[in-house]
Amino acid sequence: MKALLDTNFLIACVKRKIQIFEYLEEHFSEVLLPRGVIDELVRVAQHGAPRDRAAAEIALKLISLSPVHVLPFTGYVDQQIVGYLREHEGIVVATLDKKLQRILQARAKLLVIRGSKKLGIV
């Protein structure tokens, strides 16, 4: 199984001190990251609220140290995730975006945060 990560999920994991990349390495064969997520993290690290800035900087550092496959698409990340799932199966999407979760319910499993520090697939 492959995991595809969204910006808000990464920031939330960092804020809650969840060891996201350890979990991903244990449970998934490949971790996919849209280039647009990296762009969003850079924007948040430069212009976001102070707490979000710190989390985005840590997320960028973790990405640089982890074996992730960066997908070359940029732009509106949610649309790109939906488009990618139309062409690929067996993907688990890690997002906290409720609108995106509703769209993806029929197409993919979701990686969610349960409680304050546990991750689970639904």
PDB file of N, CA and C in Angstrom:
ATOM      1  N   MET A   1       0.832  -1.177   0.000  1.00  0.00           N
ATOM      2  CA  MET A   1       0.000   0.000   0.000  1.00  0.00           C
ATOM      3  C   MET A   1       0.880   1.245   0.000  1.00  0.00           C
ATOM      4  N   LYS A   2       0.365   2.289  -0.644  1.00  0.00           N
ATOM      5  CA  LYS A   2       1.077   3.559  -0.701  1.00  0.00           C
ATOM      6  C   LYS A   2       0.280   4.611   0.061  1.00  0.00           C
ATOM      7  N   ALA A   3       1.004   5.566   0.647  1.00  0.00           N
ATOM      8  CA  ALA A   3       0.368   6.675   1.363  1.00  0.00           C
ATOM      9  C   ALA A   3       0.642   7.968   0.611  1.00  0.00           C
ATOM     10  N   LEU A   4      -0.383   8.803   0.489  1.00  0.00           N
ATOM     11  CA  LEU A   4      -0.258  10.102  -0.155  1.00  0.00           C
ATOM     12  C   LEU A   4      -0.575  11.160   0.897  1.00  0.00           C
ATOM     13  N   LEU A   5       0.343  12.093   1.123  1.00  0.00           N
ATOM     14  CA  LEU A   5       0.231  13.040   2.233  1.00  0.00           C
ATOM     15  C   LEU A   5      -0.262  14.411   1.800  1.00  0.00           C
ATOM     16  N   ASP A   6      -1.081  15.020   2.642  1.00  0.00           N
ATOM     17  CA  ASP A   6      -1.576  16.373   2.437  1.00  0.00           C
ATOM     18  C   ASP A   6      -0.919  17.290   3.476  1.00  0.00           C
ATOM     19  N   THR A   7      -0.868  18.560   3.168  1.00  0.00           N
ATOM     20  CA  THR A   7      -0.183  19.546   4.016  1.00  0.00           C
ATOM     21  C   THR A   7      -0.722  19.588   5.436  1.00  0.00           C
ATOM     22  N   ASN A   8      -2.036  19.688   5.578  1.00  0.00           N
ATOM     23  CA  ASN A   8      -2.617  19.866   6.910  1.00  0.00           C
ATOM     24  C   ASN A   8      -2.346  18.660   7.812  1.00  0.00           C
ATOM     25  N   PHE A   9      -2.267  17.484   7.229  1.00  0.00           N
ATOM     26  CA  PHE A   9      -1.991  16.283   8.010  1.00  0.00           C
ATOM     27  C   PHE A   9      -0.571  16.328   8.563  1.00  0.00           C
ATOM     28  N   LEU A  10       0.375  16.727   7.742  1.00  0.00           N
ATOM     29  CA  LEU A  10       1.772  16.820   8.191  1.00  0.00           C
ATOM     30  C   LEU A  10       1.926  17.842   9.314  1.00  0.00           C
ATOM     31  N   ILE A  11       1.324  19.004   9.135  1.00  0.00           N
ATOM     32  CA  ILE A  11       1.429  20.054  10.153  1.00  0.00           C
ATOM     33  C   ILE A  11       0.788  19.589  11.462  1.00  0.00           C
ATOM     34  N   ALA A  12      -0.372  18.950  11.379  1.00  0.00           N
ATOM     35  CA  ALA A  12      -1.048  18.465  12.590  1.00  0.00           C
ATOM     36  C   ALA A  12      -0.203  17.413  13.306  1.00  0.00           C
ATOM     37  N   CYS A  13       0.417  16.519  12.559  1.00  0.00           N
ATOM     38  CA  CYS A  13       1.262  15.486  13.177  1.00  0.00           C
ATOM     39  C   CYS A  13       2.449  16.108  13.900  1.00  0.00           C
ATOM     40  N   VAL A  14       3.059  17.099  13.283  1.00  0.00           N
ATOM     41  CA  VAL A  14       4.193  17.761  13.924  1.00  0.00           C
ATOM     42  C   VAL A  14       3.741  18.476  15.194  1.00  0.00           C
ATOM     43  N   LYS A  15       2.628  19.188  15.122  1.00  0.00           N
ATOM     44  CA  LYS A  15       2.123  19.901  16.296  1.00  0.00           C
ATOM     45  C   LYS A  15       1.802  18.954  17.448  1.00  0.00           C
ATOM     46  N   ARG A  16       1.303  17.776  17.128  1.00  0.00           N
ATOM     47  CA  ARG A  16       0.937  16.795  18.159  1.00  0.00           C
ATOM     48  C   ARG A  16       2.088  15.852  18.514  1.00  0.00           C
ATOM     49  N   LYS A  17       3.223  16.078  17.897  1.00  0.00           N
ATOM     50  CA  LYS A  17       4.428  15.271  18.140  1.00  0.00           C
ATOM     51  C   LYS A  17       4.205  13.788  17.825  1.00  0.00           C
ATOM     52  N   ILE A  18       3.467  13.544  16.752  1.00  0.00           N
ATOM     53  CA  ILE A  18       3.244  12.184  16.267  1.00  0.00           C
ATOM     54  C   ILE A  18       4.412  11.815  15.352  1.00  0.00           C
ATOM     55  N   GLN A  19       4.963  10.655  15.558  1.00  0.00           N
ATOM     56  CA  GLN A  19       6.100  10.185  14.751  1.00  0.00           C
ATOM     57  C   GLN A  19       5.584   9.664  13.404  1.00  0.00           C
ATOM     58  N   ILE A  20       5.158  10.576  12.554  1.00  0.00           N
ATOM     59  CA  ILE A  20       4.470  10.226  11.316  1.00  0.00           C
ATOM     60  C   ILE A  20       5.333   9.402  10.369  1.00  0.00           C
ATOM     61  N   PHE A  21       6.576   9.765  10.186  1.00  0.00           N
ATOM     62  CA  PHE A  21       7.393   9.052   9.204  1.00  0.00           C
ATOM     63  C   PHE A  21       7.787   7.661   9.678  1.00  0.00           C
ATOM     64  N   GLU A  22       7.910   7.470  10.971  1.00  0.00           N
ATOM     65  CA  GLU A  22       8.143   6.120  11.496  1.00  0.00           C
ATOM     66  C   GLU A  22       6.924   5.244  11.203  1.00  0.00           C
ATOM     67  N   TYR A  23       5.741   5.779  11.436  1.00  0.00           N
ATOM     68  CA  TYR A  23       4.511   5.036  11.162  1.00  0.00           C
ATOM     69  C   TYR A  23       4.414   4.700   9.672  1.00  0.00           C
ATOM     70  N   LEU A  24       4.707   5.674   8.831  1.00  0.00           N
ATOM     71  CA  LEU A  24       4.612   5.464   7.385  1.00  0.00           C
ATOM     72  C   LEU A  24       5.579   4.385   6.913  1.00  0.00           C
ATOM     73  N   GLU A  25       6.806   4.414   7.420  1.00  0.00           N
ATOM     74  CA  GLU A  25       7.799   3.414   7.024  1.00  0.00           C
ATOM     75  C   GLU A  25       7.379   2.010   7.446  1.00  0.00           C
ATOM     76  N   GLU A  26       6.714   1.895   8.586  1.00  0.00           N
ATOM     77  CA  GLU A  26       6.273   0.586   9.091  1.00  0.00           C
ATOM     78  C   GLU A  26       5.080   0.030   8.325  1.00  0.00           C
ATOM     79  N   HIS A  27       4.175   0.906   7.871  1.00  0.00           N
ATOM     80  CA  HIS A  27       2.901   0.447   7.340  1.00  0.00           C
ATOM     81  C   HIS A  27       2.717   0.590   5.828  1.00  0.00           C
ATOM     82  N   PHE A  28       3.613   1.288   5.151  1.00  0.00           N
ATOM     83  CA  PHE A  28       3.406   1.549   3.727  1.00  0.00           C
ATOM     84  C   PHE A  28       4.666   1.235   2.920  1.00  0.00           C
ATOM     85  N   SER A  29       4.440   0.771   1.702  1.00  0.00           N
ATOM     86  CA  SER A  29       5.564   0.435   0.825  1.00  0.00           C
ATOM     87  C   SER A  29       6.190   1.688   0.220  1.00  0.00           C
ATOM     88  N   GLU A  30       5.388   2.743   0.079  1.00  0.00           N
ATOM     89  CA  GLU A  30       5.892   3.983  -0.521  1.00  0.00           C
ATOM     90  C   GLU A  30       5.103   5.158   0.031  1.00  0.00           C
ATOM     91  N   VAL A  31       5.793   6.280   0.215  1.00  0.00           N
ATOM     92  CA  VAL A  31       5.149   7.507   0.674  1.00  0.00           C
ATOM     93  C   VAL A  31       5.212   8.510  -0.475  1.00  0.00           C
ATOM     94  N   LEU A  32       4.042   9.001  -0.882  1.00  0.00           N
ATOM     95  CA  LEU A  32       3.918   9.936  -1.997  1.00  0.00           C
ATOM     96  C   LEU A  32       3.619  11.331  -1.464  1.00  0.00           C
ATOM     97  N   LEU A  33       4.259  12.307  -2.069  1.00  0.00           N
ATOM     98  CA  LEU A  33       4.090  13.683  -1.619  1.00  0.00           C
ATOM     99  C   LEU A  33       3.982  14.592  -2.841  1.00  0.00           C
ATOM    100  N   PRO A  34       2.822  15.207  -3.054  1.00  0.00           N
ATOM    101  CA  PRO A  34       2.707  16.145  -4.170  1.00  0.00           C
ATOM    102  C   PRO A  34       3.663  17.326  -3.987  1.00  0.00           C
ATOM    103  N   ARG A  35       4.268  17.772  -5.074  1.00  0.00           N
ATOM    104  CA  ARG A  35       5.172  18.933  -5.016  1.00  0.00           C
ATOM    105  C   ARG A  35       4.438  20.140  -4.417  1.00  0.00           C
ATOM    106  N   GLY A  36       3.139  20.232  -4.678  1.00  0.00           N
ATOM    107  CA  GLY A  36       2.342  21.333  -4.137  1.00  0.00           C
ATOM    108  C   GLY A  36       2.305  21.351  -2.619  1.00  0.00           C
ATOM    109  N   VAL A  37       2.419  20.188  -1.984  1.00  0.00           N
ATOM    110  CA  VAL A  37       2.464  20.131  -0.517  1.00  0.00           C
ATOM    111  C   VAL A  37       3.755  20.784  -0.017  1.00  0.00           C
ATOM    112  N   ILE A  38       4.850  20.489  -0.674  1.00  0.00           N
ATOM    113  CA  ILE A  38       6.119  21.117  -0.288  1.00  0.00           C
ATOM    114  C   ILE A  38       6.017  22.627  -0.466  1.00  0.00           C
ATOM    115  N   ASP A  39       5.433  23.069  -1.583  1.00  0.00           N
ATOM    116  CA  ASP A  39       5.258  24.506  -1.823  1.00  0.00           C
ATOM    117  C   ASP A  39       4.401  25.148  -0.739  1.00  0.00           C
ATOM    118  N   GLU A  40       3.315  24.474  -0.345  1.00  0.00           N
ATOM    119  CA  GLU A  40       2.457  25.000   0.725  1.00  0.00           C
ATOM    120  C   GLU A  40       3.209  25.071   2.046  1.00  0.00           C
ATOM    121  N   LEU A  41       3.995  24.055   2.360  1.00  0.00           N
ATOM    122  CA  LEU A  41       4.774  24.066   3.605  1.00  0.00           C
ATOM    123  C   LEU A  41       5.777  25.214   3.611  1.00  0.00           C
ATOM    124  N   VAL A  42       6.404  25.463   2.478  1.00  0.00           N
ATOM    125  CA  VAL A  42       7.349  26.587   2.389  1.00  0.00           C
ATOM    126  C   VAL A  42       6.620  27.900   2.628  1.00  0.00           C
ATOM    127  N   ARG A  43       5.434  28.066   2.015  1.00  0.00           N
ATOM    128  CA  ARG A  43       4.652  29.294   2.220  1.00  0.00           C
ATOM    129  C   ARG A  43       4.271  29.471   3.688  1.00  0.00           C
ATOM    130  N   VAL A  44       3.814  28.390   4.326  1.00  0.00           N
ATOM    131  CA  VAL A  44       3.432  28.463   5.736  1.00  0.00           C
ATOM    132  C   VAL A  44       4.657  28.772   6.594  1.00  0.00           C
ATOM    133  N   ALA A  45       5.795  28.161   6.282  1.00  0.00           N
ATOM    134  CA  ALA A  45       7.021  28.402   7.047  1.00  0.00           C
ATOM    135  C   ALA A  45       7.466  29.858   6.943  1.00  0.00           C
ATOM    136  N   GLN A  46       7.149  30.509   5.837  1.00  0.00           N
ATOM    137  CA  GLN A  46       7.560  31.898   5.643  1.00  0.00           C
ATOM    138  C   GLN A  46       6.523  32.912   6.112  1.00  0.00           C
ATOM    139  N   HIS A  47       5.221  32.559   5.950  1.00  0.00           N
ATOM    140  CA  HIS A  47       4.189  33.573   6.170  1.00  0.00           C
ATOM    141  C   HIS A  47       3.071  33.150   7.120  1.00  0.00           C
ATOM    142  N   GLY A  48       3.126  31.965   7.658  1.00  0.00           N
ATOM    143  CA  GLY A  48       2.043  31.475   8.512  1.00  0.00           C
ATOM    144  C   GLY A  48       2.108  32.037   9.919  1.00  0.00           C
ATOM    145  N   ALA A  49       1.132  31.649  10.717  1.00  0.00           N
ATOM    146  CA  ALA A  49       1.131  32.002  12.132  1.00  0.00           C
ATOM    147  C   ALA A  49       2.361  31.364  12.781  1.00  0.00           C
ATOM    148  N   PRO A  50       2.891  31.957  13.851  1.00  0.00           N
ATOM    149  CA  PRO A  50       4.135  31.449  14.442  1.00  0.00           C
ATOM    150  C   PRO A  50       4.141  29.952  14.747  1.00  0.00           C
ATOM    151  N   ARG A  51       3.071  29.434  15.321  1.00  0.00           N
ATOM    152  CA  ARG A  51       3.039  28.001  15.646  1.00  0.00           C
ATOM    153  C   ARG A  51       3.020  27.152  14.372  1.00  0.00           C
ATOM    154  N   ASP A  52       2.292  27.616  13.363  1.00  0.00           N
ATOM    155  CA  ASP A  52       2.256  26.907  12.087  1.00  0.00           C
ATOM    156  C   ASP A  52       3.602  26.982  11.374  1.00  0.00           C
ATOM    157  N   ARG A  53       4.263  28.124  11.486  1.00  0.00           N
ATOM    158  CA  ARG A  53       5.588  28.271  10.863  1.00  0.00           C
ATOM    159  C   ARG A  53       6.557  27.225  11.385  1.00  0.00           C
ATOM    160  N   ALA A  54       6.607  27.111  12.686  1.00  0.00           N
ATOM    161  CA  ALA A  54       7.530  26.146  13.299  1.00  0.00           C
ATOM    162  C   ALA A  54       7.196  24.727  12.860  1.00  0.00           C
ATOM    163  N   ALA A  55       5.913  24.385  12.845  1.00  0.00           N
ATOM    164  CA  ALA A  55       5.499  23.039  12.435  1.00  0.00           C
ATOM    165  C   ALA A  55       5.845  22.790  10.968  1.00  0.00           C
ATOM    166  N   ALA A  56       5.643  23.780  10.122  1.00  0.00           N
ATOM    167  CA  ALA A  56       5.961  23.630   8.696  1.00  0.00           C
ATOM    168  C   ALA A  56       7.468  23.451   8.497  1.00  0.00           C
ATOM    169  N   GLU A  57       8.264  24.186   9.227  1.00  0.00           N
ATOM    170  CA  GLU A  57       9.721  24.038   9.120  1.00  0.00           C
ATOM    171  C   GLU A  57      10.164  22.645   9.542  1.00  0.00           C
ATOM    172  N   ILE A  58       9.598  22.145  10.623  1.00  0.00           N
ATOM    173  CA  ILE A  58       9.939  20.789  11.086  1.00  0.00           C
ATOM    174  C   ILE A  58       9.480  19.760  10.056  1.00  0.00           C
ATOM    175  N   ALA A  59       8.274  19.935   9.505  1.00  0.00           N
ATOM    176  CA  ALA A  59       7.770  19.007   8.489  1.00  0.00           C
ATOM    177  C   ALA A  59       8.697  18.978   7.276  1.00  0.00           C
ATOM    178  N   LEU A  60       9.159  20.134   6.839  1.00  0.00           N
ATOM    179  CA  LEU A  60      10.087  20.191   5.699  1.00  0.00           C
ATOM    180  C   LEU A  60      11.390  19.464   6.018  1.00  0.00           C
ATOM    181  N   LYS A  61      11.871  19.626   7.226  1.00  0.00           N
ATOM    182  CA  LYS A  61      13.101  18.933   7.643  1.00  0.00           C
ATOM    183  C   LYS A  61      12.883  17.423   7.644  1.00  0.00           C
ATOM    184  N   LEU A  62      11.759  16.967   8.190  1.00  0.00           N
ATOM    185  CA  LEU A  62      11.448  15.541   8.223  1.00  0.00           C
ATOM    186  C   LEU A  62      11.325  14.964   6.813  1.00  0.00           C
ATOM    187  N   ILE A  63      10.703  15.724   5.919  1.00  0.00           N
ATOM    188  CA  ILE A  63      10.579  15.277   4.524  1.00  0.00           C
ATOM    189  C   ILE A  63      11.951  15.093   3.899  1.00  0.00           C
ATOM    190  N   SER A  64      12.850  16.031   4.166  1.00  0.00           N
ATOM    191  CA  SER A  64      14.190  15.951   3.572  1.00  0.00           C
ATOM    192  C   SER A  64      14.979  14.751   4.096  1.00  0.00           C
ATOM    193  N   LEU A  65      14.628  14.255   5.282  1.00  0.00           N
ATOM    194  CA  LEU A  65      15.333  13.126   5.880  1.00  0.00           C
ATOM    195  C   LEU A  65      14.644  11.779   5.636  1.00  0.00           C
ATOM    196  N   SER A  66      13.491  11.815   4.979  1.00  0.00           N
ATOM    197  CA  SER A  66      12.696  10.597   4.821  1.00  0.00           C
ATOM    198  C   SER A  66      12.634  10.163   3.362  1.00  0.00           C
ATOM    199  N   PRO A  67      12.439   8.862   3.145  1.00  0.00           N
ATOM    200  CA  PRO A  67      12.328   8.360   1.772  1.00  0.00           C
ATOM    201  C   PRO A  67      10.926   8.592   1.204  1.00  0.00           C
ATOM    202  N   VAL A  68      10.701   9.758   0.632  1.00  0.00           N
ATOM    203  CA  VAL A  68       9.413  10.059   0.023  1.00  0.00           C
ATOM    204  C   VAL A  68       9.592  10.214  -1.484  1.00  0.00           C
ATOM    205  N   HIS A  69       8.548   9.863  -2.213  1.00  0.00           N
ATOM    206  CA  HIS A  69       8.530  10.044  -3.661  1.00  0.00           C
ATOM    207  C   HIS A  69       7.725  11.308  -3.940  1.00  0.00           C
ATOM    208  N   VAL A  70       8.389  12.336  -4.453  1.00  0.00           N
ATOM    209  CA  VAL A  70       7.716  13.606  -4.725  1.00  0.00           C
ATOM    210  C   VAL A  70       7.047  13.517  -6.095  1.00  0.00           C
ATOM    211  N   LEU A  71       5.731  13.719  -6.095  1.00  0.00           N
ATOM    212  CA  LEU A  71       4.971  13.730  -7.345  1.00  0.00           C
ATOM    213  C   LEU A  71       5.134  15.101  -7.989  1.00  0.00           C
ATOM    214  N   PRO A  72       5.377  15.160  -9.278  1.00  0.00           N
ATOM    215  CA  PRO A  72       5.778  16.414  -9.917  1.00  0.00           C
ATOM    216  C   PRO A  72       4.691  17.457 -10.108  1.00  0.00           C
ATOM    217  N   PHE A  73       3.452  17.195  -9.717  1.00  0.00           N
ATOM    218  CA  PHE A  73       2.438  18.200  -9.987  1.00  0.00           C
ATOM    219  C   PHE A  73       2.405  19.287  -8.925  1.00  0.00           C
ATOM    220  N   THR A  74       2.025  20.486  -9.377  1.00  0.00           N
ATOM    221  CA  THR A  74       1.939  21.655  -8.501  1.00  0.00           C
ATOM    222  C   THR A  74       0.540  22.259  -8.661  1.00  0.00           C
ATOM    223  N   GLY A  75       0.280  23.320  -7.921  1.00  0.00           N
ATOM    224  CA  GLY A  75      -1.019  23.967  -8.014  1.00  0.00           C
ATOM    225  C   GLY A  75      -1.918  23.560  -6.867  1.00  0.00           C
ATOM    226  N   TYR A  76      -3.222  23.530  -7.120  1.00  0.00           N
ATOM    227  CA  TYR A  76      -4.204  23.216  -6.082  1.00  0.00           C
ATOM    228  C   TYR A  76      -4.101  21.739  -5.716  1.00  0.00           C
ATOM    229  N   VAL A  77      -3.584  21.461  -4.544  1.00  0.00           N
ATOM    230  CA  VAL A  77      -3.224  20.103  -4.135  1.00  0.00           C
ATOM    231  C   VAL A  77      -4.435  19.171  -4.068  1.00  0.00           C
ATOM    232  N   ASP A  78      -5.552  19.638  -3.547  1.00  0.00           N
ATOM    233  CA  ASP A  78      -6.721  18.764  -3.400  1.00  0.00           C
ATOM    234  C   ASP A  78      -7.167  18.216  -4.755  1.00  0.00           C
ATOM    235  N   GLN A  79      -7.218  19.054  -5.772  1.00  0.00           N
ATOM    236  CA  GLN A  79      -7.600  18.614  -7.114  1.00  0.00           C
ATOM    237  C   GLN A  79      -6.593  17.607  -7.667  1.00  0.00           C
ATOM    238  N   GLN A  80      -5.333  17.823  -7.379  1.00  0.00           N
ATOM    239  CA  GLN A  80      -4.297  16.914  -7.865  1.00  0.00           C
ATOM    240  C   GLN A  80      -4.404  15.553  -7.186  1.00  0.00           C
ATOM    241  N   ILE A  81      -4.733  15.549  -5.910  1.00  0.00           N
ATOM    242  CA  ILE A  81      -4.907  14.287  -5.183  1.00  0.00           C
ATOM    243  C   ILE A  81      -6.069  13.502  -5.792  1.00  0.00           C
ATOM    244  N   VAL A  82      -7.177  14.175  -6.017  1.00  0.00           N
ATOM    245  CA  VAL A  82      -8.348  13.515  -6.603  1.00  0.00           C
ATOM    246  C   VAL A  82      -7.988  12.980  -7.996  1.00  0.00           C
ATOM    247  N   GLY A  83      -7.314  13.771  -8.799  1.00  0.00           N
ATOM    248  CA  GLY A  83      -6.908  13.331 -10.129  1.00  0.00           C
ATOM    249  C   GLY A  83      -5.963  12.147 -10.089  1.00  0.00           C
ATOM    250  N   TYR A  84      -5.041  12.158  -9.158  1.00  0.00           N
ATOM    251  CA  TYR A  84      -4.088  11.052  -9.029  1.00  0.00           C
ATOM    252  C   TYR A  84      -4.814   9.759  -8.670  1.00  0.00           C
ATOM    253  N   LEU A  85      -5.810   9.859  -7.812  1.00  0.00           N
ATOM    254  CA  LEU A  85      -6.554   8.675  -7.381  1.00  0.00           C
ATOM    255  C   LEU A  85      -7.437   8.104  -8.492  1.00  0.00           C
ATOM    256  N   ARG A  86      -7.795   8.929  -9.465  1.00  0.00           N
ATOM    257  CA  ARG A  86      -8.559   8.417 -10.607  1.00  0.00           C
ATOM    258  C   ARG A  86      -7.718   7.444 -11.429  1.00  0.00           C
ATOM    259  N   GLU A  87      -6.410   7.648 -11.408  1.00  0.00           N
ATOM    260  CA  GLU A  87      -5.507   6.845 -12.232  1.00  0.00           C
ATOM    261  C   GLU A  87      -4.771   5.753 -11.460  1.00  0.00           C
ATOM    262  N   HIS A  88      -4.811   5.792 -10.136  1.00  0.00           N
ATOM    263  CA  HIS A  88      -4.045   4.843  -9.322  1.00  0.00           C
ATOM    264  C   HIS A  88      -4.920   4.241  -8.225  1.00  0.00           C
ATOM    265  N   GLU A  89      -4.689   2.975  -7.939  1.00  0.00           N
ATOM    266  CA  GLU A  89      -5.438   2.291  -6.888  1.00  0.00           C
ATOM    267  C   GLU A  89      -4.511   1.933  -5.733  1.00  0.00           C
ATOM    268  N   GLY A  90      -5.116   1.546  -4.607  1.00  0.00           N
ATOM    269  CA  GLY A  90      -4.334   1.106  -3.460  1.00  0.00           C
ATOM    270  C   GLY A  90      -3.619   2.231  -2.736  1.00  0.00           C
ATOM    271  N   ILE A  91      -4.186   3.421  -2.795  1.00  0.00           N
ATOM    272  CA  ILE A  91      -3.588   4.597  -2.158  1.00  0.00           C
ATOM    273  C   ILE A  91      -4.373   4.938  -0.896  1.00  0.00           C
ATOM    274  N   VAL A  92      -3.656   5.214   0.190  1.00  0.00           N
ATOM    275  CA  VAL A  92      -4.255   5.712   1.423  1.00  0.00           C
ATOM    276  C   VAL A  92      -3.883   7.190   1.517  1.00  0.00           C
ATOM    277  N   VAL A  93      -4.880   8.047   1.650  1.00  0.00           N
ATOM    278  CA  VAL A  93      -4.642   9.492   1.677  1.00  0.00           C
ATOM    279  C   VAL A  93      -4.657   9.990   3.117  1.00  0.00           C
ATOM    280  N   ALA A  94      -3.622  10.717   3.481  1.00  0.00           N
ATOM    281  CA  ALA A  94      -3.504  11.318   4.812  1.00  0.00           C
ATOM    282  C   ALA A  94      -3.889  12.787   4.708  1.00  0.00           C
ATOM    283  N   THR A  95      -5.124  13.098   5.117  1.00  0.00           N
ATOM    284  CA  THR A  95      -5.596  14.478   5.084  1.00  0.00           C
ATOM    285  C   THR A  95      -6.577  14.705   6.232  1.00  0.00           C
ATOM    286  N   LEU A  96      -6.641  15.931   6.700  1.00  0.00           N
ATOM    287  CA  LEU A  96      -7.625  16.322   7.708  1.00  0.00           C
ATOM    288  C   LEU A  96      -8.721  17.183   7.086  1.00  0.00           C
ATOM    289  N   ASP A  97      -8.610  17.464   5.809  1.00  0.00           N
ATOM    290  CA  ASP A  97      -9.562  18.293   5.079  1.00  0.00           C
ATOM    291  C   ASP A  97     -10.881  17.531   4.932  1.00  0.00           C
ATOM    292  N   LYS A  98     -11.918  17.982   5.646  1.00  0.00           N
ATOM    293  CA  LYS A  98     -13.206  17.273   5.664  1.00  0.00           C
ATOM    294  C   LYS A  98     -13.850  17.213   4.277  1.00  0.00           C
ATOM    295  N   LYS A  99     -13.751  18.289   3.527  1.00  0.00           N
ATOM    296  CA  LYS A  99     -14.325  18.300   2.178  1.00  0.00           C
ATOM    297  C   LYS A  99     -13.618  17.265   1.301  1.00  0.00           C
ATOM    298  N   LEU A 100     -12.308  17.233   1.354  1.00  0.00           N
ATOM    299  CA  LEU A 100     -11.544  16.264   0.574  1.00  0.00           C
ATOM    300  C   LEU A 100     -11.838  14.841   1.049  1.00  0.00           C
ATOM    301  N   GLN A 101     -11.973  14.652   2.343  1.00  0.00           N
ATOM    302  CA  GLN A 101     -12.302  13.326   2.870  1.00  0.00           C
ATOM    303  C   GLN A 101     -13.632  12.824   2.315  1.00  0.00           C
ATOM    304  N   ARG A 102     -14.636  13.704   2.247  1.00  0.00           N
ATOM    305  CA  ARG A 102     -15.941  13.300   1.694  1.00  0.00           C
ATOM    306  C   ARG A 102     -15.814  12.897   0.227  1.00  0.00           C
ATOM    307  N   ILE A 103     -15.041  13.656  -0.529  1.00  0.00           N
ATOM    308  CA  ILE A 103     -14.845  13.353  -1.951  1.00  0.00           C
ATOM    309  C   ILE A 103     -14.143  12.005  -2.118  1.00  0.00           C
ATOM    310  N   LEU A 104     -13.198  11.717  -1.238  1.00  0.00           N
ATOM    311  CA  LEU A 104     -12.366  10.527  -1.385  1.00  0.00           C
ATOM    312  C   LEU A 104     -12.967   9.259  -0.793  1.00  0.00           C
ATOM    313  N   GLN A 105     -14.021   9.363  -0.027  1.00  0.00           N
ATOM    314  CA  GLN A 105     -14.585   8.201   0.664  1.00  0.00           C
ATOM    315  C   GLN A 105     -14.785   7.000  -0.250  1.00  0.00           C
ATOM    316  N   ALA A 106     -15.258   7.208  -1.443  1.00  0.00           N
ATOM    317  CA  ALA A 106     -15.532   6.097  -2.356  1.00  0.00           C
ATOM    318  C   ALA A 106     -14.293   5.657  -3.126  1.00  0.00           C
ATOM    319  N   ARG A 107     -13.245   6.480  -3.140  1.00  0.00           N
ATOM    320  CA  ARG A 107     -12.087   6.193  -3.972  1.00  0.00           C
ATOM    321  C   ARG A 107     -10.873   5.665  -3.219  1.00  0.00           C
ATOM    322  N   ALA A 108     -10.756   5.986  -1.947  1.00  0.00           N
ATOM    323  CA  ALA A 108      -9.523   5.647  -1.237  1.00  0.00           C
ATOM    324  C   ALA A 108      -9.789   5.486   0.254  1.00  0.00           C
ATOM    325  N   LYS A 109      -8.879   4.798   0.899  1.00  0.00           N
ATOM    326  CA  LYS A 109      -8.892   4.746   2.358  1.00  0.00           C
ATOM    327  C   LYS A 109      -8.209   6.006   2.857  1.00  0.00           C
ATOM    328  N   LEU A 110      -8.505   6.350   4.112  1.00  0.00           N
ATOM    329  CA  LEU A 110      -7.943   7.567   4.693  1.00  0.00           C
ATOM    330  C   LEU A 110      -7.097   7.220   5.909  1.00  0.00           C
ATOM    331  N   LEU A 111      -5.988   7.917   6.060  1.00  0.00           N
ATOM    332  CA  LEU A 111      -5.176   7.842   7.262  1.00  0.00           C
ATOM    333  C   LEU A 111      -5.605   9.012   8.131  1.00  0.00           C
ATOM    334  N   VAL A 112      -6.044   8.725   9.350  1.00  0.00           N
ATOM    335  CA  VAL A 112      -6.571   9.766  10.224  1.00  0.00           C
ATOM    336  C   VAL A 112      -5.849   9.750  11.570  1.00  0.00           C
ATOM    337  N   ILE A 113      -5.978  10.857  12.282  1.00  0.00           N
ATOM    338  CA  ILE A 113      -5.456  10.952  13.640  1.00  0.00           C
ATOM    339  C   ILE A 113      -6.600  10.595  14.577  1.00  0.00           C
ATOM    340  N   ARG A 114      -6.359   9.603  15.424  1.00  0.00           N
ATOM    341  CA  ARG A 114      -7.377   9.176  16.399  1.00  0.00           C
ATOM    342  C   ARG A 114      -6.921   9.602  17.781  1.00  0.00           C
ATOM    343  N   GLY A 115      -7.801  10.258  18.488  1.00  0.00           N
ATOM    344  CA  GLY A 115      -7.397  10.770  19.791  1.00  0.00           C
ATOM    345  C   GLY A 115      -6.383  11.879  19.576  1.00  0.00           C
ATOM    346  N   SER A 116      -5.371  11.910  20.410  1.00  0.00           N
ATOM    347  CA  SER A 116      -4.390  12.981  20.264  1.00  0.00           C
ATOM    348  C   SER A 116      -3.108  12.541  19.570  1.00  0.00           C
ATOM    349  N   LYS A 117      -2.780  11.225  19.613  1.00  0.00           N
ATOM    350  CA  LYS A 117      -1.495  10.803  19.061  1.00  0.00           C
ATOM    351  C   LYS A 117      -1.511   9.501  18.272  1.00  0.00           C
ATOM    352  N   LYS A 118      -2.672   8.910  18.041  1.00  0.00           N
ATOM    353  CA  LYS A 118      -2.711   7.634  17.333  1.00  0.00           C
ATOM    354  C   LYS A 118      -3.147   7.855  15.892  1.00  0.00           C
ATOM    355  N   LEU A 119      -2.579   7.054  15.002  1.00  0.00           N
ATOM    356  CA  LEU A 119      -2.948   7.088  13.594  1.00  0.00           C
ATOM    357  C   LEU A 119      -3.702   5.811  13.263  1.00  0.00           C
ATOM    358  N   GLY A 120      -4.654   5.917  12.349  1.00  0.00           N
ATOM    359  CA  GLY A 120      -5.404   4.746  11.927  1.00  0.00           C
ATOM    360  C   GLY A 120      -5.943   4.918  10.527  1.00  0.00           C
ATOM    361  N   ILE A 121      -6.202   3.794   9.875  1.00  0.00           N
ATOM    362  CA  ILE A 121      -6.748   3.807   8.514  1.00  0.00           C
ATOM    363  C   ILE A 121      -8.235   3.511   8.596  1.00  0.00           C
ATOM    364  N   VAL A 122      -9.022   4.353   7.912  1.00  0.00           N
ATOM    365  CA  VAL A 122     -10.476   4.141   7.843  1.00  0.00           C
ATOM    366  C   VAL A 122     -10.901   4.052   6.382  1.00  0.00           C
TER     367      VAL A 122
END
